[in-house]
């Protein structure tokens, strides 16, 4: 497993000869934070954790990236071939 930042992921895409179509960054949805919650208290804590992270990511994404894991995905395609 490797930890990559956006620039490293983009470099891998470019080195592979692919074209980046779009990117997505997510601080994880509520369902992930509440996945193992079995009690009302643990569900409330999961909800609070999600609310803090999602809010911070919305208003200060760069700070959020430094404070906790933010998941990143990109959609790439092979360049069009000319017949």
PDB file of N, CA and C in Angstrom:
ATOM      1  N   UNK A   1       0.841  -1.157   0.000  1.00  0.00           N
ATOM      2  CA  UNK A   1       0.000   0.000   0.000  1.00  0.00           C
ATOM      3  C   UNK A   1       0.896   1.233   0.000  1.00  0.00           C
ATOM      4  N   UNK A   2       0.455   2.226  -0.735  1.00  0.00           N
ATOM      5  CA  UNK A   2       1.215   3.468  -0.806  1.00  0.00           C
ATOM      6  C   UNK A   2       0.301   4.642  -0.509  1.00  0.00           C
ATOM      7  N   UNK A   3       0.890   5.649   0.052  1.00  0.00           N
ATOM      8  CA  UNK A   3       0.168   6.894   0.292  1.00  0.00           C
ATOM      9  C   UNK A   3       0.623   7.883  -0.777  1.00  0.00           C
ATOM     10  N   UNK A   4      -0.327   8.383  -1.522  1.00  0.00           N
ATOM     11  CA  UNK A   4      -0.019   9.308  -2.608  1.00  0.00           C
ATOM     12  C   UNK A   4      -0.768  10.615  -2.404  1.00  0.00           C
ATOM     13  N   UNK A   5      -0.123  11.699  -2.784  1.00  0.00           N
ATOM     14  CA  UNK A   5      -0.857  12.949  -2.830  1.00  0.00           C
ATOM     15  C   UNK A   5      -1.390  13.130  -4.254  1.00  0.00           C
ATOM     16  N   UNK A   6      -2.129  14.170  -4.460  1.00  0.00           N
ATOM     17  CA  UNK A   6      -2.735  14.396  -5.769  1.00  0.00           C
ATOM     18  C   UNK A   6      -1.704  14.500  -6.888  1.00  0.00           C
ATOM     19  N   UNK A   7      -0.627  15.223  -6.624  1.00  0.00           N
ATOM     20  CA  UNK A   7       0.398  15.391  -7.652  1.00  0.00           C
ATOM     21  C   UNK A   7       1.029  14.054  -8.040  1.00  0.00           C
ATOM     22  N   UNK A   8       1.259  13.188  -7.060  1.00  0.00           N
ATOM     23  CA  UNK A   8       1.834  11.874  -7.348  1.00  0.00           C
ATOM     24  C   UNK A   8       0.855  11.028  -8.162  1.00  0.00           C
ATOM     25  N   UNK A   9      -0.419  11.084  -7.829  1.00  0.00           N
ATOM     26  CA  UNK A   9      -1.427  10.339  -8.591  1.00  0.00           C
ATOM     27  C   UNK A   9      -1.506  10.860 -10.022  1.00  0.00           C
ATOM     28  N   UNK A  10      -1.469  12.156 -10.179  1.00  0.00           N
ATOM     29  CA  UNK A  10      -1.502  12.741 -11.525  1.00  0.00           C
ATOM     30  C   UNK A  10      -0.262  12.351 -12.331  1.00  0.00           C
ATOM     31  N   UNK A  11       0.898  12.280 -11.672  1.00  0.00           N
ATOM     32  CA  UNK A  11       2.123  11.872 -12.363  1.00  0.00           C
ATOM     33  C   UNK A  11       2.017  10.421 -12.835  1.00  0.00           C
ATOM     34  N   UNK A  12       1.448   9.543 -12.030  1.00  0.00           N
ATOM     35  CA  UNK A  12       1.257   8.147 -12.432  1.00  0.00           C
ATOM     36  C   UNK A  12       0.343   8.070 -13.655  1.00  0.00           C
ATOM     37  N   UNK A  13      -0.731   8.870 -13.635  1.00  0.00           N
ATOM     38  CA  UNK A  13      -1.661   8.914 -14.767  1.00  0.00           C
ATOM     39  C   UNK A  13      -0.924   9.362 -16.026  1.00  0.00           C
ATOM     40  N   UNK A  14      -0.160  10.425 -15.919  1.00  0.00           N
ATOM     41  CA  UNK A  14       0.573  10.949 -17.072  1.00  0.00           C
ATOM     42  C   UNK A  14       1.614   9.947 -17.564  1.00  0.00           C
ATOM     43  N   UNK A  15       2.349   9.330 -16.640  1.00  0.00           N
ATOM     44  CA  UNK A  15       3.363   8.339 -17.017  1.00  0.00           C
ATOM     45  C   UNK A  15       2.753   7.137 -17.732  1.00  0.00           C
ATOM     46  N   UNK A  16       1.508   6.828 -17.407  1.00  0.00           N
ATOM     47  CA  UNK A  16       0.819   5.705 -18.048  1.00  0.00           C
ATOM     48  C   UNK A  16       0.228   6.092 -19.401  1.00  0.00           C
ATOM     49  N   UNK A  17       0.358   7.370 -19.764  1.00  0.00           N
ATOM     50  CA  UNK A  17      -0.174   7.826 -21.039  1.00  0.00           C
ATOM     51  C   UNK A  17      -1.678   8.011 -21.048  1.00  0.00           C
ATOM     52  N   UNK A  18      -2.264   8.180 -19.874  1.00  0.00           N
ATOM     53  CA  UNK A  18      -3.706   8.357 -19.768  1.00  0.00           C
ATOM     54  C   UNK A  18      -4.065   9.828 -19.669  1.00  0.00           C
ATOM     55  N   UNK A  19      -5.323  10.106 -19.902  1.00  0.00           N
ATOM     56  CA  UNK A  19      -5.823  11.475 -19.803  1.00  0.00           C
ATOM     57  C   UNK A  19      -6.794  11.540 -18.630  1.00  0.00           C
ATOM     58  N   UNK A  20      -6.599  12.518 -17.763  1.00  0.00           N
ATOM     59  CA  UNK A  20      -7.451  12.717 -16.594  1.00  0.00           C
ATOM     60  C   UNK A  20      -8.740  13.409 -17.024  1.00  0.00           C
ATOM     61  N   UNK A  21      -9.885  12.787 -16.713  1.00  0.00           N
ATOM     62  CA  UNK A  21     -11.182  13.342 -17.096  1.00  0.00           C
ATOM     63  C   UNK A  21     -11.795  14.153 -15.957  1.00  0.00           C
ATOM     64  N   UNK A  22     -11.815  13.572 -14.751  1.00  0.00           N
ATOM     65  CA  UNK A  22     -12.359  14.290 -13.599  1.00  0.00           C
ATOM     66  C   UNK A  22     -11.774  13.724 -12.309  1.00  0.00           C
ATOM     67  N   UNK A  23     -11.919  14.485 -11.239  1.00  0.00           N
ATOM     68  CA  UNK A  23     -11.382  14.104  -9.945  1.00  0.00           C
ATOM     69  C   UNK A  23     -12.470  14.229  -8.880  1.00  0.00           C
ATOM     70  N   UNK A  24     -12.328  13.437  -7.827  1.00  0.00           N
ATOM     71  CA  UNK A  24     -13.264  13.467  -6.715  1.00  0.00           C
ATOM     72  C   UNK A  24     -12.461  13.392  -5.428  1.00  0.00           C
ATOM     73  N   UNK A  25     -12.809  14.230  -4.477  1.00  0.00           N
ATOM     74  CA  UNK A  25     -12.184  14.199  -3.160  1.00  0.00           C
ATOM     75  C   UNK A  25     -13.297  14.127  -2.133  1.00  0.00           C
ATOM     76  N   UNK A  26     -13.161  13.230  -1.158  1.00  0.00           N
ATOM     77  CA  UNK A  26     -14.248  12.982  -0.224  1.00  0.00           C
ATOM     78  C   UNK A  26     -13.693  12.712   1.170  1.00  0.00           C
ATOM     79  N   UNK A  27     -14.321  13.317   2.173  1.00  0.00           N
ATOM     80  CA  UNK A  27     -13.929  13.084   3.565  1.00  0.00           C
ATOM     81  C   UNK A  27     -14.659  11.881   4.154  1.00  0.00           C
ATOM     82  N   UNK A  28     -15.252  11.053   3.324  1.00  0.00           N
ATOM     83  CA  UNK A  28     -16.007   9.843   3.648  1.00  0.00           C
ATOM     84  C   UNK A  28     -17.434  10.164   4.087  1.00  0.00           C
ATOM     85  N   UNK A  29     -18.395   9.391   3.613  1.00  0.00           N
ATOM     86  CA  UNK A  29     -19.800   9.638   3.950  1.00  0.00           C
ATOM     87  C   UNK A  29     -20.154   9.193   5.364  1.00  0.00           C
ATOM     88  N   UNK A  30     -21.302   9.634   5.825  1.00  0.00           N
ATOM     89  CA  UNK A  30     -21.787   9.307   7.160  1.00  0.00           C
ATOM     90  C   UNK A  30     -21.845   7.803   7.390  1.00  0.00           C
ATOM     91  N   UNK A  31     -22.268   7.044   6.400  1.00  0.00           N
ATOM     92  CA  UNK A  31     -22.400   5.589   6.562  1.00  0.00           C
ATOM     93  C   UNK A  31     -21.077   4.930   6.933  1.00  0.00           C
ATOM     94  N   UNK A  32     -19.976   5.452   6.455  1.00  0.00           N
ATOM     95  CA  UNK A  32     -18.660   4.897   6.795  1.00  0.00           C
ATOM     96  C   UNK A  32     -18.329   5.177   8.260  1.00  0.00           C
ATOM     97  N   UNK A  33     -18.598   6.374   8.718  1.00  0.00           N
ATOM     98  CA  UNK A  33     -18.297   6.741  10.101  1.00  0.00           C
ATOM     99  C   UNK A  33     -19.187   6.008  11.110  1.00  0.00           C
ATOM    100  N   UNK A  34     -20.342   5.555  10.658  1.00  0.00           N
ATOM    101  CA  UNK A  34     -21.257   4.850  11.565  1.00  0.00           C
ATOM    102  C   UNK A  34     -21.284   3.343  11.328  1.00  0.00           C
ATOM    103  N   UNK A  35     -20.398   2.829  10.499  1.00  0.00           N
ATOM    104  CA  UNK A  35     -20.457   1.434  10.081  1.00  0.00           C
ATOM    105  C   UNK A  35     -20.440   0.442  11.248  1.00  0.00           C
ATOM    106  N   UNK A  36     -19.541   0.620  12.203  1.00  0.00           N
ATOM    107  CA  UNK A  36     -19.437  -0.305  13.326  1.00  0.00           C
ATOM    108  C   UNK A  36     -20.231   0.157  14.551  1.00  0.00           C
ATOM    109  N   UNK A  37     -21.002   1.199  14.431  1.00  0.00           N
ATOM    110  CA  UNK A  37     -21.754   1.735  15.572  1.00  0.00           C
ATOM    111  C   UNK A  37     -22.904   0.801  15.927  1.00  0.00           C
ATOM    112  N   UNK A  38     -22.891   0.333  17.161  1.00  0.00           N
ATOM    113  CA  UNK A  38     -23.937  -0.600  17.596  1.00  0.00           C
ATOM    114  C   UNK A  38     -24.838  -0.007  18.680  1.00  0.00           C
ATOM    115  N   UNK A  39     -24.463   1.111  19.226  1.00  0.00           N
ATOM    116  CA  UNK A  39     -25.268   1.732  20.280  1.00  0.00           C
ATOM    117  C   UNK A  39     -25.624   3.163  19.866  1.00  0.00           C
ATOM    118  N   UNK A  40     -26.567   3.734  20.560  1.00  0.00           N
ATOM    119  CA  UNK A  40     -26.955   5.121  20.289  1.00  0.00           C
ATOM    120  C   UNK A  40     -25.772   6.058  20.480  1.00  0.00           C
ATOM    121  N   UNK A  41     -24.968   5.788  21.520  1.00  0.00           N
ATOM    122  CA  UNK A  41     -23.799   6.634  21.795  1.00  0.00           C
ATOM    123  C   UNK A  41     -22.784   6.543  20.659  1.00  0.00           C
ATOM    124  N   UNK A  42     -22.479   5.340  20.194  1.00  0.00           N
ATOM    125  CA  UNK A  42     -21.484   5.192  19.137  1.00  0.00           C
ATOM    126  C   UNK A  42     -22.004   5.763  17.810  1.00  0.00           C
ATOM    127  N   UNK A  43     -23.311   5.657  17.559  1.00  0.00           N
ATOM    128  CA  UNK A  43     -23.870   6.289  16.360  1.00  0.00           C
ATOM    129  C   UNK A  43     -23.770   7.800  16.443  1.00  0.00           C
ATOM    130  N   UNK A  44     -24.026   8.355  17.632  1.00  0.00           N
ATOM    131  CA  UNK A  44     -23.915   9.808  17.823  1.00  0.00           C
ATOM    132  C   UNK A  44     -22.472  10.271  17.641  1.00  0.00           C
ATOM    133  N   UNK A  45     -21.524   9.513  18.174  1.00  0.00           N
ATOM    134  CA  UNK A  45     -20.103   9.870  17.998  1.00  0.00           C
ATOM    135  C   UNK A  45     -19.691   9.788  16.532  1.00  0.00           C
ATOM    136  N   UNK A  46     -20.151   8.756  15.838  1.00  0.00           N
ATOM    137  CA  UNK A  46     -19.855   8.636  14.408  1.00  0.00           C
ATOM    138  C   UNK A  46     -20.441   9.787  13.611  1.00  0.00           C
ATOM    139  N   UNK A  47     -21.650  10.168  13.973  1.00  0.00           N
ATOM    140  CA  UNK A  47     -22.295  11.294  13.298  1.00  0.00           C
ATOM    141  C   UNK A  47     -21.546  12.592  13.569  1.00  0.00           C
ATOM    142  N   UNK A  48     -21.129  12.799  14.799  1.00  0.00           N
ATOM    143  CA  UNK A  48     -20.380  14.012  15.144  1.00  0.00           C
ATOM    144  C   UNK A  48     -19.038  14.053  14.401  1.00  0.00           C
ATOM    145  N   UNK A  49     -18.353  12.929  14.355  1.00  0.00           N
ATOM    146  CA  UNK A  49     -17.062  12.860  13.645  1.00  0.00           C
ATOM    147  C   UNK A  49     -17.262  13.191  12.167  1.00  0.00           C
ATOM    148  N   UNK A  50     -18.298  12.607  11.576  1.00  0.00           N
ATOM    149  CA  UNK A  50     -18.581  12.887  10.171  1.00  0.00           C
ATOM    150  C   UNK A  50     -18.890  14.372   9.961  1.00  0.00           C
ATOM    151  N   UNK A  51     -19.715  14.955  10.838  1.00  0.00           N
ATOM    152  CA  UNK A  51     -20.117  16.349  10.686  1.00  0.00           C
ATOM    153  C   UNK A  51     -18.919  17.293  10.751  1.00  0.00           C
ATOM    154  N   UNK A  52     -18.018  17.036  11.695  1.00  0.00           N
ATOM    155  CA  UNK A  52     -16.820  17.875  11.826  1.00  0.00           C
ATOM    156  C   UNK A  52     -15.949  17.753  10.584  1.00  0.00           C
ATOM    157  N   UNK A  53     -15.677  16.518  10.174  1.00  0.00           N
ATOM    158  CA  UNK A  53     -14.796  16.307   9.018  1.00  0.00           C
ATOM    159  C   UNK A  53     -15.409  16.828   7.724  1.00  0.00           C
ATOM    160  N   UNK A  54     -16.681  16.542   7.503  1.00  0.00           N
ATOM    161  CA  UNK A  54     -17.334  17.001   6.270  1.00  0.00           C
ATOM    162  C   UNK A  54     -17.399  18.529   6.221  1.00  0.00           C
ATOM    163  N   UNK A  55     -17.702  19.148   7.349  1.00  0.00           N
ATOM    164  CA  UNK A  55     -17.782  20.614   7.393  1.00  0.00           C
ATOM    165  C   UNK A  55     -16.420  21.246   7.153  1.00  0.00           C
ATOM    166  N   UNK A  56     -15.401  20.729   7.833  1.00  0.00           N
ATOM    167  CA  UNK A  56     -14.060  21.277   7.637  1.00  0.00           C
ATOM    168  C   UNK A  56     -13.602  21.086   6.200  1.00  0.00           C
ATOM    169  N   UNK A  57     -13.881  19.922   5.629  1.00  0.00           N
ATOM    170  CA  UNK A  57     -13.483  19.678   4.234  1.00  0.00           C
ATOM    171  C   UNK A  57     -14.198  20.633   3.288  1.00  0.00           C
ATOM    172  N   UNK A  58     -15.436  20.963   3.606  1.00  0.00           N
ATOM    173  CA  UNK A  58     -16.212  21.877   2.753  1.00  0.00           C
ATOM    174  C   UNK A  58     -15.665  23.299   2.810  1.00  0.00           C
ATOM    175  N   UNK A  59     -15.294  23.791   4.016  1.00  0.00           N
ATOM    176  CA  UNK A  59     -14.881  25.193   4.144  1.00  0.00           C
ATOM    177  C   UNK A  59     -13.371  25.395   4.027  1.00  0.00           C
ATOM    178  N   UNK A  60     -12.582  24.364   4.330  1.00  0.00           N
ATOM    179  CA  UNK A  60     -11.119  24.503   4.267  1.00  0.00           C
ATOM    180  C   UNK A  60     -10.497  23.181   3.819  1.00  0.00           C
ATOM    181  N   UNK A  61     -10.652  22.839   2.541  1.00  0.00           N
ATOM    182  CA  UNK A  61     -10.180  21.539   2.071  1.00  0.00           C
ATOM    183  C   UNK A  61      -8.679  21.305   2.278  1.00  0.00           C
ATOM    184  N   UNK A  62      -7.861  22.308   2.102  1.00  0.00           N
ATOM    185  CA  UNK A  62      -6.415  22.118   2.288  1.00  0.00           C
ATOM    186  C   UNK A  62      -6.091  21.766   3.739  1.00  0.00           C
ATOM    187  N   UNK A  63      -6.743  22.423   4.676  1.00  0.00           N
ATOM    188  CA  UNK A  63      -6.533  22.111   6.090  1.00  0.00           C
ATOM    189  C   UNK A  63      -7.044  20.705   6.408  1.00  0.00           C
ATOM    190  N   UNK A  64      -8.187  20.355   5.859  1.00  0.00           N
ATOM    191  CA  UNK A  64      -8.741  19.013   6.082  1.00  0.00           C
ATOM    192  C   UNK A  64      -7.770  17.943   5.602  1.00  0.00           C
ATOM    193  N   UNK A  65      -7.148  18.160   4.445  1.00  0.00           N
ATOM    194  CA  UNK A  65      -6.171  17.196   3.918  1.00  0.00           C
ATOM    195  C   UNK A  65      -4.993  17.001   4.867  1.00  0.00           C
ATOM    196  N   UNK A  66      -4.626  18.046   5.585  1.00  0.00           N
ATOM    197  CA  UNK A  66      -3.499  17.955   6.515  1.00  0.00           C
ATOM    198  C   UNK A  66      -3.888  17.287   7.835  1.00  0.00           C
ATOM    199  N   UNK A  67      -5.151  17.407   8.230  1.00  0.00           N
ATOM    200  CA  UNK A  67      -5.573  16.926   9.544  1.00  0.00           C
ATOM    201  C   UNK A  67      -6.074  15.487   9.553  1.00  0.00           C
ATOM    202  N   UNK A  68      -6.659  15.022   8.457  1.00  0.00           N
ATOM    203  CA  UNK A  68      -7.186  13.661   8.426  1.00  0.00           C
ATOM    204  C   UNK A  68      -7.191  13.125   7.000  1.00  0.00           C
ATOM    205  N   UNK A  69      -7.434  11.840   6.884  1.00  0.00           N
ATOM    206  CA  UNK A  69      -7.430  11.191   5.578  1.00  0.00           C
ATOM    207  C   UNK A  69      -8.613  11.672   4.751  1.00  0.00           C
ATOM    208  N   UNK A  70      -8.316  12.143   3.579  1.00  0.00           N
ATOM    209  CA  UNK A  70      -9.327  12.535   2.605  1.00  0.00           C
ATOM    210  C   UNK A  70      -9.105  11.635   1.394  1.00  0.00           C
ATOM    211  N   UNK A  71     -10.139  10.972   0.968  1.00  0.00           N
ATOM    212  CA  UNK A  71     -10.003  10.029  -0.134  1.00  0.00           C
ATOM    213  C   UNK A  71     -10.125  10.750  -1.463  1.00  0.00           C
ATOM    214  N   UNK A  72      -9.298  10.302  -2.400  1.00  0.00           N
ATOM    215  CA  UNK A  72      -9.202  10.931  -3.710  1.00  0.00           C
ATOM    216  C   UNK A  72      -9.355   9.848  -4.775  1.00  0.00           C
ATOM    217  N   UNK A  73     -10.081  10.166  -5.808  1.00  0.00           N
ATOM    218  CA  UNK A  73     -10.220   9.261  -6.949  1.00  0.00           C
ATOM    219  C   UNK A  73     -10.204  10.094  -8.220  1.00  0.00           C
ATOM    220  N   UNK A  74      -9.750   9.486  -9.285  1.00  0.00           N
ATOM    221  CA  UNK A  74      -9.764  10.185 -10.568  1.00  0.00           C
ATOM    222  C   UNK A  74     -10.208   9.216 -11.663  1.00  0.00           C
ATOM    223  N   UNK A  75     -10.888   9.752 -12.639  1.00  0.00           N
ATOM    224  CA  UNK A  75     -11.329   8.987 -13.784  1.00  0.00           C
ATOM    225  C   UNK A  75     -10.390   9.308 -14.937  1.00  0.00           C
ATOM    226  N   UNK A  76      -9.819   8.268 -15.509  1.00  0.00           N
ATOM    227  CA  UNK A  76      -8.838   8.448 -16.573  1.00  0.00           C
ATOM    228  C   UNK A  76      -9.246   7.622 -17.788  1.00  0.00           C
ATOM    229  N   UNK A  77      -8.872   8.076 -18.957  1.00  0.00           N
ATOM    230  CA  UNK A  77      -9.132   7.334 -20.174  1.00  0.00           C
ATOM    231  C   UNK A  77      -7.873   7.298 -21.024  1.00  0.00           C
ATOM    232  N   UNK A  78      -7.815   6.298 -21.849  1.00  0.00           N
ATOM    233  CA  UNK A  78      -6.711   6.221 -22.804  1.00  0.00           C
ATOM    234  C   UNK A  78      -6.938   7.277 -23.881  1.00  0.00           C
ATOM    235  N   UNK A  79      -5.872   7.830 -24.417  1.00  0.00           N
ATOM    236  CA  UNK A  79      -6.047   8.839 -25.468  1.00  0.00           C
ATOM    237  C   UNK A  79      -6.707   8.210 -26.697  1.00  0.00           C
ATOM    238  N   UNK A  80      -7.473   9.030 -27.406  1.00  0.00           N
ATOM    239  CA  UNK A  80      -8.136   8.549 -28.613  1.00  0.00           C
ATOM    240  C   UNK A  80      -7.096   8.180 -29.652  1.00  0.00           C
ATOM    241  N   UNK A  81      -7.316   7.061 -30.298  1.00  0.00           N
ATOM    242  CA  UNK A  81      -6.391   6.627 -31.355  1.00  0.00           C
ATOM    243  C   UNK A  81      -6.911   7.099 -32.726  1.00  0.00           C
ATOM    244  N   UNK A  82      -5.996   7.558 -33.510  1.00  0.00           N
ATOM    245  CA  UNK A  82      -6.332   8.000 -34.854  1.00  0.00           C
ATOM    246  C   UNK A  82      -6.149   6.819 -35.790  1.00  0.00           C
ATOM    247  N   UNK A  83      -7.210   6.445 -36.547  1.00  0.00           N
ATOM    248  CA  UNK A  83      -7.082   5.289 -37.452  1.00  0.00           C
ATOM    249  C   UNK A  83      -6.158   5.530 -38.601  1.00  0.00           C
TER     250      UNK A  83
END
